[in-house]
């Protein structure tokens, strides 16, 4: 017979994983959740592209760039930059979608907290 889990149990699992306090496997073992269920919950908790796009504001809240951004000359735009937040690294290449990058960074900041 299938076991029923409460919303609180799912929330606790997702909090452990997204806060980086446990891997999916570790959190599943700690909470007594089968791995298949744990991976399903983790997959469902990930924002979709559509949801991520919805988080991008139409206009940036401020006209000035955030303090972590360094402006570069147009002749140097062939370079790849890497943004690190916690254990996550994002490589940014020429032609990137700046609004999507902002949304991803904001989401990572919330998760890493």
N, C-alpha and C. Protein backbone atom coordinates (compact mmCIF):
# COMPACT_ATOMS: atom_id res chain seq x y z
N UNK A 1 0.83 -1.17 0.00
CA UNK A 1 0.00 0.00 0.00
C UNK A 1 0.88 1.25 0.00
N UNK A 2 0.47 2.26 -0.79
CA UNK A 2 1.26 3.49 -0.89
C UNK A 2 1.12 4.33 0.36
N UNK A 3 2.22 4.89 0.75
CA UNK A 3 2.21 5.77 1.91
C UNK A 3 1.83 7.19 1.48
N UNK A 4 1.07 7.85 2.29
CA UNK A 4 0.67 9.25 2.02
C UNK A 4 1.59 10.18 2.81
N UNK A 5 2.05 11.24 2.18
CA UNK A 5 2.91 12.21 2.84
C UNK A 5 2.17 13.54 2.95
N UNK A 6 2.43 14.25 4.02
CA UNK A 6 1.77 15.54 4.22
C UNK A 6 2.52 16.64 3.46
N UNK A 7 1.85 17.75 3.28
CA UNK A 7 2.49 18.90 2.63
C UNK A 7 3.69 19.36 3.45
N UNK A 8 3.59 19.25 4.77
CA UNK A 8 4.69 19.65 5.64
C UNK A 8 5.92 18.76 5.41
N UNK A 9 5.71 17.45 5.21
CA UNK A 9 6.83 16.54 4.95
C UNK A 9 7.50 16.90 3.62
N UNK A 10 6.70 17.20 2.61
CA UNK A 10 7.26 17.59 1.31
C UNK A 10 8.04 18.89 1.45
N UNK A 11 7.45 19.85 2.18
CA UNK A 11 8.10 21.15 2.37
C UNK A 11 9.44 20.98 3.10
N UNK A 12 9.47 20.14 4.11
CA UNK A 12 10.71 19.89 4.86
C UNK A 12 11.78 19.29 3.94
N UNK A 13 11.37 18.35 3.10
CA UNK A 13 12.29 17.73 2.16
C UNK A 13 12.86 18.79 1.20
N UNK A 14 11.97 19.58 0.59
CA UNK A 14 12.40 20.60 -0.37
C UNK A 14 13.31 21.63 0.31
N UNK A 15 12.98 22.02 1.54
CA UNK A 15 13.82 22.97 2.27
C UNK A 15 15.22 22.42 2.50
N UNK A 16 15.32 21.15 2.89
CA UNK A 16 16.63 20.54 3.11
C UNK A 16 17.47 20.57 1.84
N UNK A 17 16.84 20.21 0.72
CA UNK A 17 17.57 20.11 -0.54
C UNK A 17 17.92 21.48 -1.10
N UNK A 18 16.94 22.40 -1.14
CA UNK A 18 17.22 23.71 -1.75
C UNK A 18 18.14 24.57 -0.90
N UNK A 19 18.15 24.37 0.40
CA UNK A 19 19.05 25.13 1.26
C UNK A 19 20.46 24.55 1.24
N UNK A 20 20.64 23.41 0.58
CA UNK A 20 21.96 22.80 0.48
C UNK A 20 22.39 22.05 1.73
N UNK A 21 21.43 21.79 2.63
CA UNK A 21 21.77 21.06 3.85
C UNK A 21 21.81 19.55 3.63
N UNK A 22 21.31 19.09 2.49
CA UNK A 22 21.34 17.67 2.18
C UNK A 22 21.14 17.47 0.68
N UNK A 23 21.70 16.38 0.15
CA UNK A 23 21.42 16.02 -1.23
C UNK A 23 20.03 15.38 -1.26
N UNK A 24 19.54 15.13 -2.44
CA UNK A 24 18.22 14.50 -2.56
C UNK A 24 18.23 13.14 -1.86
N UNK A 25 19.27 12.36 -2.10
CA UNK A 25 19.36 11.03 -1.48
C UNK A 25 19.46 11.12 0.04
N UNK A 26 20.28 12.05 0.54
CA UNK A 26 20.44 12.20 1.99
C UNK A 26 19.12 12.63 2.65
N UNK A 27 18.45 13.61 2.03
CA UNK A 27 17.18 14.09 2.59
C UNK A 27 16.13 12.98 2.57
N UNK A 28 16.11 12.20 1.50
CA UNK A 28 15.15 11.09 1.40
C UNK A 28 15.40 10.07 2.51
N UNK A 29 16.66 9.71 2.72
CA UNK A 29 16.99 8.75 3.77
C UNK A 29 16.65 9.31 5.15
N UNK A 30 16.98 10.57 5.37
CA UNK A 30 16.71 11.20 6.67
C UNK A 30 15.22 11.23 6.99
N UNK A 31 14.39 11.47 5.97
CA UNK A 31 12.95 11.60 6.19
C UNK A 31 12.16 10.32 5.92
N UNK A 32 12.86 9.25 5.53
CA UNK A 32 12.19 7.98 5.28
C UNK A 32 11.33 7.98 4.02
N UNK A 33 11.78 8.73 3.02
CA UNK A 33 11.04 8.83 1.75
C UNK A 33 11.77 7.98 0.70
N UNK A 34 11.04 7.17 -0.07
CA UNK A 34 11.71 6.39 -1.12
C UNK A 34 12.40 7.32 -2.13
N UNK A 35 13.56 6.91 -2.65
CA UNK A 35 14.28 7.75 -3.60
C UNK A 35 13.44 8.19 -4.80
N UNK A 36 12.61 7.30 -5.33
CA UNK A 36 11.80 7.68 -6.50
C UNK A 36 10.85 8.82 -6.15
N UNK A 37 10.27 8.78 -4.96
CA UNK A 37 9.37 9.86 -4.52
C UNK A 37 10.17 11.14 -4.31
N UNK A 38 11.34 11.03 -3.71
CA UNK A 38 12.18 12.20 -3.45
C UNK A 38 12.57 12.90 -4.75
N UNK A 39 13.01 12.13 -5.75
CA UNK A 39 13.39 12.73 -7.02
C UNK A 39 12.19 13.35 -7.72
N UNK A 40 11.03 12.74 -7.58
CA UNK A 40 9.80 13.30 -8.16
C UNK A 40 9.50 14.66 -7.50
N UNK A 41 9.57 14.72 -6.17
CA UNK A 41 9.31 15.98 -5.46
C UNK A 41 10.31 17.05 -5.89
N UNK A 42 11.57 16.66 -6.00
CA UNK A 42 12.61 17.63 -6.38
C UNK A 42 12.36 18.14 -7.80
N UNK A 43 12.00 17.25 -8.71
CA UNK A 43 11.73 17.65 -10.09
C UNK A 43 10.53 18.60 -10.14
N UNK A 44 9.49 18.30 -9.37
CA UNK A 44 8.29 19.15 -9.36
C UNK A 44 8.57 20.52 -8.73
N UNK A 45 9.53 20.59 -7.83
CA UNK A 45 9.83 21.84 -7.13
C UNK A 45 10.67 22.80 -7.97
N UNK A 46 11.33 22.27 -9.01
CA UNK A 46 12.15 23.13 -9.86
C UNK A 46 11.27 24.06 -10.67
N UNK A 47 11.65 25.35 -10.76
CA UNK A 47 10.85 26.26 -11.58
C UNK A 47 11.01 25.92 -13.06
N UNK A 48 9.95 26.05 -13.80
CA UNK A 48 10.01 25.82 -15.24
C UNK A 48 10.52 27.08 -15.91
N UNK A 49 10.87 26.98 -17.19
CA UNK A 49 11.30 28.17 -17.92
C UNK A 49 10.21 29.23 -17.90
N UNK A 50 8.98 28.79 -18.07
CA UNK A 50 7.85 29.72 -18.09
C UNK A 50 7.74 30.44 -16.74
N UNK A 51 7.88 29.70 -15.65
CA UNK A 51 7.80 30.29 -14.31
C UNK A 51 8.96 31.25 -14.07
N UNK A 52 10.15 30.87 -14.55
CA UNK A 52 11.32 31.74 -14.38
C UNK A 52 11.12 33.03 -15.16
N UNK A 53 10.61 32.93 -16.37
CA UNK A 53 10.34 34.11 -17.18
C UNK A 53 9.35 35.03 -16.49
N UNK A 54 8.35 34.45 -15.83
CA UNK A 54 7.33 35.25 -15.17
C UNK A 54 7.92 36.06 -14.01
N UNK A 55 9.04 35.61 -13.46
CA UNK A 55 9.68 36.31 -12.35
C UNK A 55 10.51 37.50 -12.80
N UNK A 56 10.77 37.59 -14.11
CA UNK A 56 11.61 38.67 -14.62
C UNK A 56 10.77 39.93 -14.72
N UNK A 57 11.15 41.00 -14.02
CA UNK A 57 10.38 42.24 -14.11
C UNK A 57 10.49 42.85 -15.49
N UNK A 58 9.44 43.52 -15.94
CA UNK A 58 9.44 44.16 -17.25
C UNK A 58 10.53 45.22 -17.31
N UNK A 59 10.68 45.99 -16.23
CA UNK A 59 11.73 47.00 -16.15
C UNK A 59 12.56 46.73 -14.90
N UNK A 60 13.88 46.87 -14.99
CA UNK A 60 14.68 46.69 -13.78
C UNK A 60 14.25 47.74 -12.75
N UNK A 61 14.26 47.39 -11.45
CA UNK A 61 13.83 48.32 -10.43
C UNK A 61 14.70 49.58 -10.35
N UNK A 62 15.93 49.48 -10.80
CA UNK A 62 16.84 50.62 -10.71
C UNK A 62 17.57 50.76 -12.04
N UNK A 63 17.84 51.98 -12.44
CA UNK A 63 18.54 52.20 -13.70
C UNK A 63 20.03 51.88 -13.56
N UNK A 64 20.57 51.95 -12.34
CA UNK A 64 21.99 51.67 -12.15
C UNK A 64 22.21 50.17 -11.99
N UNK A 65 23.34 49.65 -12.51
CA UNK A 65 23.60 48.21 -12.40
C UNK A 65 23.86 47.82 -10.94
N UNK A 66 23.59 46.55 -10.60
CA UNK A 66 23.88 46.09 -9.24
C UNK A 66 25.38 46.23 -8.96
N UNK A 67 25.78 46.31 -7.70
CA UNK A 67 27.19 46.54 -7.38
C UNK A 67 28.13 45.42 -7.80
N UNK A 68 27.62 44.23 -8.07
CA UNK A 68 28.51 43.13 -8.44
C UNK A 68 28.80 43.09 -9.94
N UNK A 69 28.25 44.01 -10.71
CA UNK A 69 28.43 44.02 -12.16
C UNK A 69 29.56 44.98 -12.51
N UNK A 70 30.46 44.52 -13.37
CA UNK A 70 31.53 45.38 -13.85
C UNK A 70 31.29 45.62 -15.33
N UNK A 71 31.26 46.87 -15.74
CA UNK A 71 31.06 47.21 -17.14
C UNK A 71 32.37 47.00 -17.89
N UNK A 72 32.26 46.47 -19.13
CA UNK A 72 33.46 46.22 -19.93
C UNK A 72 33.34 46.94 -21.28
N UNK A 73 34.47 47.18 -21.92
CA UNK A 73 34.48 47.84 -23.23
C UNK A 73 33.90 46.90 -24.28
N UNK A 74 33.31 47.47 -25.32
CA UNK A 74 32.70 46.68 -26.38
C UNK A 74 33.72 45.76 -27.05
N UNK A 75 34.98 46.17 -27.13
CA UNK A 75 36.00 45.35 -27.79
C UNK A 75 36.33 44.09 -26.98
N UNK A 76 35.95 44.06 -25.70
CA UNK A 76 36.25 42.91 -24.84
C UNK A 76 35.07 41.93 -24.73
N UNK A 77 34.03 42.09 -25.53
CA UNK A 77 32.82 41.30 -25.34
C UNK A 77 32.94 39.85 -25.79
N UNK A 78 34.05 39.45 -26.37
CA UNK A 78 34.21 38.06 -26.77
C UNK A 78 34.53 37.15 -25.59
N UNK A 79 34.81 37.73 -24.46
CA UNK A 79 35.19 36.97 -23.27
C UNK A 79 33.98 36.30 -22.63
N UNK A 80 34.24 35.18 -21.99
CA UNK A 80 33.22 34.47 -21.22
C UNK A 80 33.45 34.84 -19.76
N UNK A 81 32.36 35.17 -19.05
CA UNK A 81 32.49 35.43 -17.63
C UNK A 81 31.78 34.33 -16.86
N UNK A 82 32.20 34.15 -15.63
CA UNK A 82 31.57 33.14 -14.79
C UNK A 82 31.06 33.81 -13.53
N UNK A 83 29.78 33.52 -13.22
CA UNK A 83 29.15 34.06 -12.01
C UNK A 83 29.01 32.89 -11.05
N UNK A 84 29.50 33.05 -9.82
CA UNK A 84 29.39 31.99 -8.81
C UNK A 84 28.53 32.49 -7.66
N UNK A 85 27.53 31.66 -7.32
CA UNK A 85 26.70 31.92 -6.15
C UNK A 85 26.63 30.61 -5.39
N UNK A 86 27.22 30.58 -4.22
CA UNK A 86 27.29 29.33 -3.46
C UNK A 86 28.12 28.33 -4.24
N UNK A 87 27.58 27.14 -4.44
CA UNK A 87 28.29 26.10 -5.18
C UNK A 87 27.91 26.09 -6.66
N UNK A 88 27.09 27.05 -7.08
CA UNK A 88 26.61 27.09 -8.46
C UNK A 88 27.43 28.08 -9.27
N UNK A 89 27.85 27.66 -10.47
CA UNK A 89 28.58 28.53 -11.38
C UNK A 89 27.79 28.65 -12.69
N UNK A 90 27.67 29.86 -13.18
CA UNK A 90 26.97 30.12 -14.44
C UNK A 90 27.96 30.79 -15.38
N UNK A 91 28.14 30.22 -16.57
CA UNK A 91 28.99 30.85 -17.57
C UNK A 91 28.12 31.73 -18.45
N UNK A 92 28.55 32.96 -18.62
CA UNK A 92 27.80 33.93 -19.41
C UNK A 92 28.61 34.23 -20.67
N UNK A 93 27.99 33.99 -21.80
CA UNK A 93 28.65 34.18 -23.10
C UNK A 93 28.04 35.37 -23.83
N UNK A 94 28.73 35.86 -24.84
CA UNK A 94 28.17 36.98 -25.61
C UNK A 94 26.77 36.63 -26.13
N UNK A 95 25.88 37.62 -26.09
CA UNK A 95 24.53 37.42 -26.59
C UNK A 95 23.56 36.87 -25.57
N UNK A 96 23.94 36.81 -24.29
CA UNK A 96 23.08 36.24 -23.26
C UNK A 96 21.85 37.11 -23.04
N UNK A 97 20.81 36.52 -22.49
CA UNK A 97 19.58 37.23 -22.15
C UNK A 97 19.76 37.82 -20.76
N UNK A 98 19.99 39.13 -20.69
CA UNK A 98 20.31 39.79 -19.41
C UNK A 98 19.16 39.67 -18.41
N UNK A 99 17.93 39.77 -18.86
CA UNK A 99 16.80 39.68 -17.94
C UNK A 99 16.69 38.28 -17.34
N UNK A 100 16.92 37.26 -18.16
CA UNK A 100 16.87 35.89 -17.66
C UNK A 100 18.01 35.65 -16.66
N UNK A 101 19.20 36.18 -16.95
CA UNK A 101 20.32 36.04 -16.03
C UNK A 101 20.00 36.69 -14.68
N UNK A 102 19.41 37.89 -14.71
CA UNK A 102 19.00 38.56 -13.47
C UNK A 102 18.05 37.69 -12.66
N UNK A 103 17.06 37.10 -13.34
CA UNK A 103 16.07 36.26 -12.65
C UNK A 103 16.73 35.03 -12.03
N UNK A 104 17.64 34.40 -12.77
CA UNK A 104 18.33 33.22 -12.26
C UNK A 104 19.17 33.58 -11.05
N UNK A 105 19.88 34.69 -11.11
CA UNK A 105 20.72 35.12 -9.99
C UNK A 105 19.86 35.41 -8.76
N UNK A 106 18.74 36.08 -8.96
CA UNK A 106 17.85 36.36 -7.83
C UNK A 106 17.32 35.08 -7.19
N UNK A 107 16.95 34.10 -8.02
CA UNK A 107 16.47 32.81 -7.49
C UNK A 107 17.58 32.11 -6.71
N UNK A 108 18.79 32.11 -7.25
CA UNK A 108 19.91 31.47 -6.55
C UNK A 108 20.21 32.17 -5.24
N UNK A 109 20.11 33.49 -5.23
CA UNK A 109 20.35 34.24 -3.98
C UNK A 109 19.35 33.82 -2.91
N UNK A 110 18.08 33.63 -3.31
CA UNK A 110 17.05 33.21 -2.36
C UNK A 110 17.35 31.81 -1.83
N UNK A 111 17.77 30.93 -2.72
CA UNK A 111 18.03 29.54 -2.33
C UNK A 111 19.26 29.46 -1.42
N UNK A 112 20.34 30.13 -1.82
CA UNK A 112 21.58 30.08 -1.05
C UNK A 112 21.43 30.89 0.24
N UNK A 113 20.64 31.98 0.14
CA UNK A 113 20.26 32.79 1.28
C UNK A 113 21.36 33.28 2.09
